[in-house]
Amino acid sequence: MTKSIELNGVSLACIDALPPGIYLDLVEGFKGNIVVASIKFLQGVVIPEDRAKLDAVLYNTENVCPWPELSDVATKVLQEYSGRPTERPSDSPTGSESTGQTTRVVSFSRGTVEEEAIPSEDGQSPEFSASPM
């Protein structure tokens, strides 16, 4: 299946796989001007036969491509090539919910074992202490 993007209403065919050099150029570009880096990235992923159409979109003075659209398309293309999202994950619970049971703290000190039951407030695994008595 051929990859493609739509930018300002124009469909542009893209290369099938992202060469490491294009990705490295993008990362290096983020250290400088993100606008230039994003445009160079898109120029790198659009197939050579469609680069004239991309340039026509980028330099069109009558139907100007909005920057947010250009940025969104570059982000989506990067996500597709990398196979993973670039946005931060959503907030999710940090573990299982408390069951109201107790956990045990085990202290190992000079060959003796002492257990002390403490209530589990966060549902985390039992804590173990190796401090001297």
N, C-alpha and C. Protein backbone atom coordinates (compact mmCIF):
# COMPACT_ATOMS: atom_id res chain seq x y z
N MET A 1 0.85 -1.19 0.00
CA MET A 1 0.00 0.00 0.00
C MET A 1 0.89 1.24 0.00
N THR A 2 0.62 2.15 -0.90
CA THR A 2 1.40 3.37 -1.01
C THR A 2 0.94 4.38 0.03
N LYS A 3 1.89 4.98 0.69
CA LYS A 3 1.58 6.01 1.68
C LYS A 3 1.30 7.32 0.94
N SER A 4 0.44 8.13 1.53
CA SER A 4 0.18 9.44 0.94
C SER A 4 -0.24 10.40 2.04
N ILE A 5 -0.11 11.68 1.74
CA ILE A 5 -0.56 12.73 2.65
C ILE A 5 -1.44 13.68 1.86
N GLU A 6 -2.25 14.41 2.59
CA GLU A 6 -3.03 15.48 1.97
C GLU A 6 -2.65 16.77 2.67
N LEU A 7 -2.23 17.73 1.87
CA LEU A 7 -1.79 19.00 2.40
C LEU A 7 -2.50 20.12 1.65
N ASN A 8 -3.33 20.85 2.37
CA ASN A 8 -4.08 21.96 1.79
C ASN A 8 -4.93 21.51 0.60
N GLY A 9 -5.49 20.29 0.73
CA GLY A 9 -6.37 19.76 -0.30
C GLY A 9 -5.68 19.06 -1.45
N VAL A 10 -4.36 18.95 -1.41
CA VAL A 10 -3.60 18.30 -2.48
C VAL A 10 -3.06 16.98 -1.96
N SER A 11 -3.32 15.89 -2.70
CA SER A 11 -2.83 14.57 -2.33
C SER A 11 -1.42 14.37 -2.87
N LEU A 12 -0.51 13.90 -1.99
CA LEU A 12 0.88 13.71 -2.35
C LEU A 12 1.31 12.30 -1.96
N ALA A 13 1.87 11.56 -2.90
CA ALA A 13 2.35 10.21 -2.63
C ALA A 13 3.68 10.29 -1.87
N CYS A 14 3.88 9.32 -0.97
CA CYS A 14 5.09 9.30 -0.14
C CYS A 14 5.87 8.01 -0.32
N ILE A 15 7.12 8.04 0.06
CA ILE A 15 7.98 6.86 0.00
C ILE A 15 7.46 5.82 0.99
N ASP A 16 7.79 4.56 0.73
CA ASP A 16 7.26 3.47 1.57
C ASP A 16 7.92 3.36 2.94
N ALA A 17 9.22 3.65 3.02
CA ALA A 17 9.95 3.52 4.29
C ALA A 17 10.80 4.76 4.50
N LEU A 18 10.99 5.11 5.75
CA LEU A 18 11.75 6.31 6.10
C LEU A 18 13.23 5.97 6.24
N PRO A 19 14.08 6.50 5.35
CA PRO A 19 15.52 6.27 5.49
C PRO A 19 16.05 6.96 6.75
N PRO A 20 17.02 6.34 7.42
CA PRO A 20 17.56 6.94 8.65
C PRO A 20 18.07 8.37 8.47
N GLY A 21 18.63 8.67 7.29
CA GLY A 21 19.15 10.01 7.06
C GLY A 21 18.09 11.10 7.13
N ILE A 22 16.91 10.81 6.62
CA ILE A 22 15.82 11.80 6.67
C ILE A 22 15.40 12.02 8.11
N TYR A 23 15.32 10.93 8.87
CA TYR A 23 14.97 11.06 10.29
C TYR A 23 16.05 11.85 11.04
N LEU A 24 17.31 11.56 10.78
CA LEU A 24 18.40 12.29 11.44
C LEU A 24 18.37 13.76 11.08
N ASP A 25 18.09 14.08 9.81
CA ASP A 25 17.98 15.48 9.40
C ASP A 25 16.86 16.19 10.17
N LEU A 26 15.75 15.47 10.39
CA LEU A 26 14.64 16.06 11.13
C LEU A 26 15.04 16.34 12.57
N VAL A 27 15.66 15.37 13.20
CA VAL A 27 16.09 15.54 14.60
C VAL A 27 17.09 16.68 14.70
N GLU A 28 18.04 16.73 13.80
CA GLU A 28 19.04 17.81 13.80
C GLU A 28 18.37 19.16 13.56
N GLY A 29 17.36 19.18 12.70
CA GLY A 29 16.64 20.41 12.40
C GLY A 29 15.88 20.97 13.59
N PHE A 30 15.44 20.09 14.49
CA PHE A 30 14.72 20.54 15.68
C PHE A 30 15.61 21.38 16.60
N LYS A 31 16.92 21.25 16.44
CA LYS A 31 17.84 22.06 17.25
C LYS A 31 17.88 23.50 16.74
N GLY A 32 17.41 23.70 15.52
CA GLY A 32 17.43 25.03 14.91
C GLY A 32 16.03 25.54 14.68
N ASN A 33 15.59 25.50 13.45
CA ASN A 33 14.30 26.06 13.06
C ASN A 33 13.33 24.93 12.75
N ILE A 34 12.33 24.77 13.59
CA ILE A 34 11.37 23.66 13.45
C ILE A 34 10.54 23.78 12.17
N VAL A 35 10.28 24.99 11.72
CA VAL A 35 9.51 25.18 10.49
C VAL A 35 10.31 24.63 9.31
N VAL A 36 11.55 25.03 9.21
CA VAL A 36 12.41 24.56 8.12
C VAL A 36 12.59 23.04 8.21
N ALA A 37 12.80 22.52 9.41
CA ALA A 37 12.98 21.08 9.60
C ALA A 37 11.74 20.30 9.15
N SER A 38 10.56 20.81 9.47
CA SER A 38 9.32 20.12 9.09
C SER A 38 9.13 20.12 7.58
N ILE A 39 9.43 21.25 6.93
CA ILE A 39 9.28 21.33 5.47
C ILE A 39 10.29 20.41 4.79
N LYS A 40 11.54 20.42 5.25
CA LYS A 40 12.55 19.53 4.67
C LYS A 40 12.17 18.07 4.88
N PHE A 41 11.57 17.77 6.03
CA PHE A 41 11.12 16.40 6.29
C PHE A 41 10.06 16.00 5.27
N LEU A 42 9.07 16.86 5.06
CA LEU A 42 8.02 16.54 4.09
C LEU A 42 8.60 16.43 2.68
N GLN A 43 9.55 17.29 2.33
CA GLN A 43 10.18 17.19 1.01
C GLN A 43 10.92 15.87 0.86
N GLY A 44 11.44 15.35 1.97
CA GLY A 44 12.16 14.09 1.93
C GLY A 44 11.26 12.87 1.81
N VAL A 45 10.03 12.95 2.34
CA VAL A 45 9.16 11.77 2.32
C VAL A 45 8.22 11.75 1.11
N VAL A 46 7.98 12.89 0.49
CA VAL A 46 7.15 12.92 -0.72
C VAL A 46 7.98 12.36 -1.87
N ILE A 47 7.36 11.48 -2.68
CA ILE A 47 8.10 10.86 -3.79
C ILE A 47 8.55 11.95 -4.77
N PRO A 48 9.68 11.72 -5.46
CA PRO A 48 10.22 12.75 -6.37
C PRO A 48 9.20 13.25 -7.39
N GLU A 49 8.34 12.37 -7.88
CA GLU A 49 7.35 12.77 -8.89
C GLU A 49 6.32 13.77 -8.35
N ASP A 50 6.13 13.83 -7.03
CA ASP A 50 5.13 14.74 -6.44
C ASP A 50 5.76 15.95 -5.74
N ARG A 51 7.07 16.09 -5.80
CA ARG A 51 7.71 17.21 -5.11
C ARG A 51 7.35 18.56 -5.72
N ALA A 52 7.11 18.61 -7.01
CA ALA A 52 6.68 19.85 -7.65
C ALA A 52 5.30 20.26 -7.12
N LYS A 53 4.42 19.27 -6.92
CA LYS A 53 3.10 19.57 -6.34
C LYS A 53 3.25 20.08 -4.90
N LEU A 54 4.18 19.47 -4.12
CA LEU A 54 4.43 19.94 -2.75
C LEU A 54 4.92 21.38 -2.76
N ASP A 55 5.86 21.67 -3.63
CA ASP A 55 6.36 23.05 -3.73
C ASP A 55 5.25 24.02 -4.12
N ALA A 56 4.36 23.58 -5.00
CA ALA A 56 3.23 24.44 -5.40
C ALA A 56 2.34 24.75 -4.20
N VAL A 57 2.14 23.77 -3.31
CA VAL A 57 1.35 24.00 -2.10
C VAL A 57 2.09 24.95 -1.16
N LEU A 58 3.38 24.71 -0.97
CA LEU A 58 4.16 25.51 -0.02
C LEU A 58 4.33 26.96 -0.45
N TYR A 59 4.35 27.22 -1.76
CA TYR A 59 4.58 28.57 -2.27
C TYR A 59 3.35 29.24 -2.86
N ASN A 60 2.19 28.64 -2.66
CA ASN A 60 0.94 29.18 -3.20
C ASN A 60 0.56 30.44 -2.42
N THR A 61 0.48 31.57 -3.10
CA THR A 61 0.14 32.83 -2.44
C THR A 61 -1.36 33.10 -2.43
N GLU A 62 -2.12 32.35 -3.24
CA GLU A 62 -3.56 32.55 -3.29
C GLU A 62 -4.31 31.65 -2.31
N ASN A 63 -3.82 30.45 -2.12
CA ASN A 63 -4.44 29.48 -1.21
C ASN A 63 -3.35 29.02 -0.24
N VAL A 64 -3.04 29.89 0.72
CA VAL A 64 -1.92 29.65 1.63
C VAL A 64 -2.22 28.48 2.56
N CYS A 65 -1.25 27.57 2.64
CA CYS A 65 -1.37 26.43 3.54
C CYS A 65 -1.11 26.91 4.97
N PRO A 66 -2.07 26.74 5.87
CA PRO A 66 -1.86 27.20 7.25
C PRO A 66 -0.76 26.40 7.95
N TRP A 67 0.05 27.08 8.72
CA TRP A 67 1.14 26.42 9.45
C TRP A 67 0.63 25.27 10.33
N PRO A 68 -0.45 25.43 11.09
CA PRO A 68 -0.91 24.30 11.92
C PRO A 68 -1.18 23.04 11.10
N GLU A 69 -1.72 23.19 9.89
CA GLU A 69 -1.96 22.01 9.04
C GLU A 69 -0.64 21.37 8.63
N LEU A 70 0.32 22.18 8.25
CA LEU A 70 1.63 21.68 7.86
C LEU A 70 2.28 20.93 9.02
N SER A 71 2.21 21.50 10.19
CA SER A 71 2.78 20.87 11.39
C SER A 71 2.07 19.56 11.72
N ASP A 72 0.73 19.57 11.66
CA ASP A 72 -0.05 18.35 11.95
C ASP A 72 0.27 17.23 10.97
N VAL A 73 0.39 17.57 9.69
CA VAL A 73 0.69 16.56 8.67
C VAL A 73 2.08 15.98 8.92
N ALA A 74 3.06 16.83 9.20
CA ALA A 74 4.42 16.35 9.46
C ALA A 74 4.43 15.43 10.68
N THR A 75 3.69 15.78 11.72
CA THR A 75 3.62 14.95 12.92
C THR A 75 2.97 13.60 12.62
N LYS A 76 1.86 13.61 11.88
CA LYS A 76 1.18 12.36 11.54
C LYS A 76 2.05 11.47 10.66
N VAL A 77 2.78 12.06 9.73
CA VAL A 77 3.67 11.28 8.87
C VAL A 77 4.77 10.63 9.72
N LEU A 78 5.35 11.39 10.62
CA LEU A 78 6.39 10.85 11.50
C LEU A 78 5.84 9.70 12.35
N GLN A 79 4.62 9.87 12.87
CA GLN A 79 3.99 8.80 13.66
C GLN A 79 3.81 7.54 12.82
N GLU A 80 3.38 7.71 11.59
CA GLU A 80 3.14 6.55 10.73
C GLU A 80 4.44 5.82 10.41
N TYR A 81 5.48 6.57 10.10
CA TYR A 81 6.76 5.92 9.77
C TYR A 81 7.40 5.27 11.00
N SER A 82 7.28 5.91 12.15
CA SER A 82 7.92 5.36 13.35
C SER A 82 7.09 4.27 14.00
N GLY A 83 5.81 4.21 13.66
CA GLY A 83 4.95 3.18 14.23
C GLY A 83 4.54 3.44 15.66
N ARG A 84 4.75 4.65 16.13
CA ARG A 84 4.33 4.97 17.49
C ARG A 84 3.93 6.44 17.59
N PRO A 85 3.06 6.76 18.54
CA PRO A 85 2.61 8.14 18.67
C PRO A 85 3.71 9.05 19.20
N THR A 86 3.63 10.33 18.81
CA THR A 86 4.59 11.30 19.31
C THR A 86 4.05 12.13 20.47
N GLU A 87 2.76 12.01 20.74
CA GLU A 87 2.21 12.76 21.85
C GLU A 87 2.40 12.00 23.16
N ARG A 88 2.30 12.72 24.26
CA ARG A 88 2.46 12.10 25.58
C ARG A 88 1.29 11.17 25.85
N PRO A 89 1.55 10.07 26.59
CA PRO A 89 0.45 9.16 26.92
C PRO A 89 -0.54 9.83 27.86
N SER A 90 -1.77 9.33 27.84
CA SER A 90 -2.78 9.89 28.73
C SER A 90 -2.50 9.47 30.16
N ASP A 91 -3.05 10.23 31.09
CA ASP A 91 -2.92 9.86 32.50
C ASP A 91 -3.68 8.57 32.74
N SER A 92 -3.04 7.67 33.42
CA SER A 92 -3.69 6.41 33.73
C SER A 92 -3.36 6.04 35.16
N PRO A 93 -4.14 5.15 35.76
CA PRO A 93 -3.86 4.75 37.14
C PRO A 93 -2.44 4.18 37.25
N THR A 94 -1.83 4.35 38.42
CA THR A 94 -0.45 3.92 38.62
C THR A 94 -0.34 2.49 39.11
N GLY A 95 -1.42 1.81 39.25
CA GLY A 95 -1.34 0.42 39.72
C GLY A 95 -2.71 -0.07 40.13
N SER A 96 -2.73 -1.20 40.78
CA SER A 96 -4.00 -1.75 41.21
C SER A 96 -4.56 -0.96 42.38
N GLU A 97 -5.86 -1.04 42.53
CA GLU A 97 -6.50 -0.33 43.61
C GLU A 97 -6.33 -1.11 44.92
N SER A 98 -6.38 -0.39 46.02
CA SER A 98 -6.22 -1.01 47.33
C SER A 98 -7.36 -1.98 47.60
N THR A 99 -7.00 -3.12 48.16
CA THR A 99 -8.01 -4.13 48.48
C THR A 99 -8.38 -4.11 49.95
N GLY A 100 -7.68 -3.26 50.72
CA GLY A 100 -7.95 -3.21 52.14
C GLY A 100 -7.20 -4.27 52.92
N GLN A 101 -6.45 -5.13 52.25
CA GLN A 101 -5.67 -6.16 52.92
C GLN A 101 -4.39 -5.55 53.46
N THR A 102 -3.65 -6.33 54.18
CA THR A 102 -2.40 -5.84 54.73
C THR A 102 -1.23 -6.42 53.96
N THR A 103 -0.14 -5.70 53.98
CA THR A 103 1.11 -6.21 53.43
C THR A 103 2.06 -6.40 54.58
N ARG A 104 3.15 -7.10 54.37
CA ARG A 104 4.10 -7.36 55.44
C ARG A 104 5.44 -6.72 55.12
N VAL A 105 6.05 -6.14 56.15
CA VAL A 105 7.41 -5.64 56.06
C VAL A 105 8.27 -6.67 56.75
N VAL A 106 9.26 -7.18 56.07
CA VAL A 106 10.14 -8.19 56.65
C VAL A 106 11.49 -7.56 56.86
N SER A 107 12.01 -7.68 58.08
CA SER A 107 13.31 -7.13 58.41
C SER A 107 14.26 -8.28 58.70
N PHE A 108 15.36 -8.33 57.96
CA PHE A 108 16.37 -9.36 58.18
C PHE A 108 17.52 -8.72 58.95
N SER A 109 17.72 -9.18 60.17
CA SER A 109 18.79 -8.61 60.97
C SER A 109 19.50 -9.73 61.71
N ARG A 110 20.75 -9.95 61.39
CA ARG A 110 21.60 -10.93 62.03
C ARG A 110 20.95 -12.28 62.21
N GLY A 111 20.43 -12.79 61.12
CA GLY A 111 19.88 -14.13 61.13
C GLY A 111 18.50 -14.26 61.70
N THR A 112 17.87 -13.20 62.12
CA THR A 112 16.51 -13.28 62.62
C THR A 112 15.56 -12.64 61.63
N VAL A 113 14.35 -13.08 61.65
CA VAL A 113 13.33 -12.52 60.78
C VAL A 113 12.23 -11.99 61.66
N GLU A 114 11.85 -10.77 61.44
CA GLU A 114 10.76 -10.16 62.20
C GLU A 114 9.76 -9.63 61.21
N GLU A 115 8.51 -10.03 61.37
CA GLU A 115 7.47 -9.59 60.47
C GLU A 115 6.55 -8.61 61.17
N GLU A 116 6.15 -7.61 60.45
CA GLU A 116 5.22 -6.63 60.99
C GLU A 116 4.19 -6.33 59.91
N ALA A 117 2.94 -6.56 60.23
CA ALA A 117 1.88 -6.29 59.26
C ALA A 117 1.55 -4.81 59.28
N ILE A 118 1.49 -4.22 58.09
CA ILE A 118 1.10 -2.81 57.97
C ILE A 118 0.01 -2.72 56.93
N PRO A 119 -0.93 -1.81 57.10
CA PRO A 119 -2.00 -1.69 56.11
C PRO A 119 -1.45 -1.16 54.79
N SER A 120 -1.96 -1.71 53.70
CA SER A 120 -1.57 -1.26 52.37
C SER A 120 -2.52 -0.14 51.96
N GLU A 121 -1.94 1.03 51.71
CA GLU A 121 -2.77 2.17 51.33
C GLU A 121 -2.80 2.37 49.82
N ASP A 122 -1.77 1.89 49.14
CA ASP A 122 -1.69 2.18 47.71
C ASP A 122 -1.76 0.95 46.83
N GLY A 123 -1.92 -0.22 47.40
CA GLY A 123 -2.05 -1.43 46.62
C GLY A 123 -0.74 -1.88 46.00
N GLN A 124 0.38 -1.30 46.41
CA GLN A 124 1.68 -1.67 45.87
C GLN A 124 2.18 -2.96 46.50
N SER A 125 3.24 -3.50 45.94
CA SER A 125 3.85 -4.72 46.46
C SER A 125 4.39 -4.47 47.87
N PRO A 126 4.55 -5.54 48.66
CA PRO A 126 5.09 -5.37 50.01
C PRO A 126 6.48 -4.76 49.96
N GLU A 127 6.78 -3.98 50.99
CA GLU A 127 8.10 -3.37 51.09
C GLU A 127 8.94 -4.24 52.01
N PHE A 128 10.22 -4.38 51.71
CA PHE A 128 11.10 -5.15 52.53
C PHE A 128 12.21 -4.26 53.04
N SER A 129 12.53 -4.42 54.32
CA SER A 129 13.56 -3.60 54.94
C SER A 129 14.67 -4.50 55.44
N ALA A 130 15.91 -4.10 55.21
CA ALA A 130 17.05 -4.87 55.68
C ALA A 130 17.84 -4.07 56.69
N SER A 131 17.17 -3.23 57.45
CA SER A 131 17.87 -2.39 58.41
C SER A 131 18.10 -3.16 59.71
N PRO A 132 19.20 -2.84 60.43
CA PRO A 132 19.47 -3.53 61.71
C PRO A 132 18.44 -3.16 62.76
N MET A 133 18.27 -4.03 63.74
CA MET A 133 17.29 -3.80 64.82
C MET A 133 17.86 -2.89 65.87
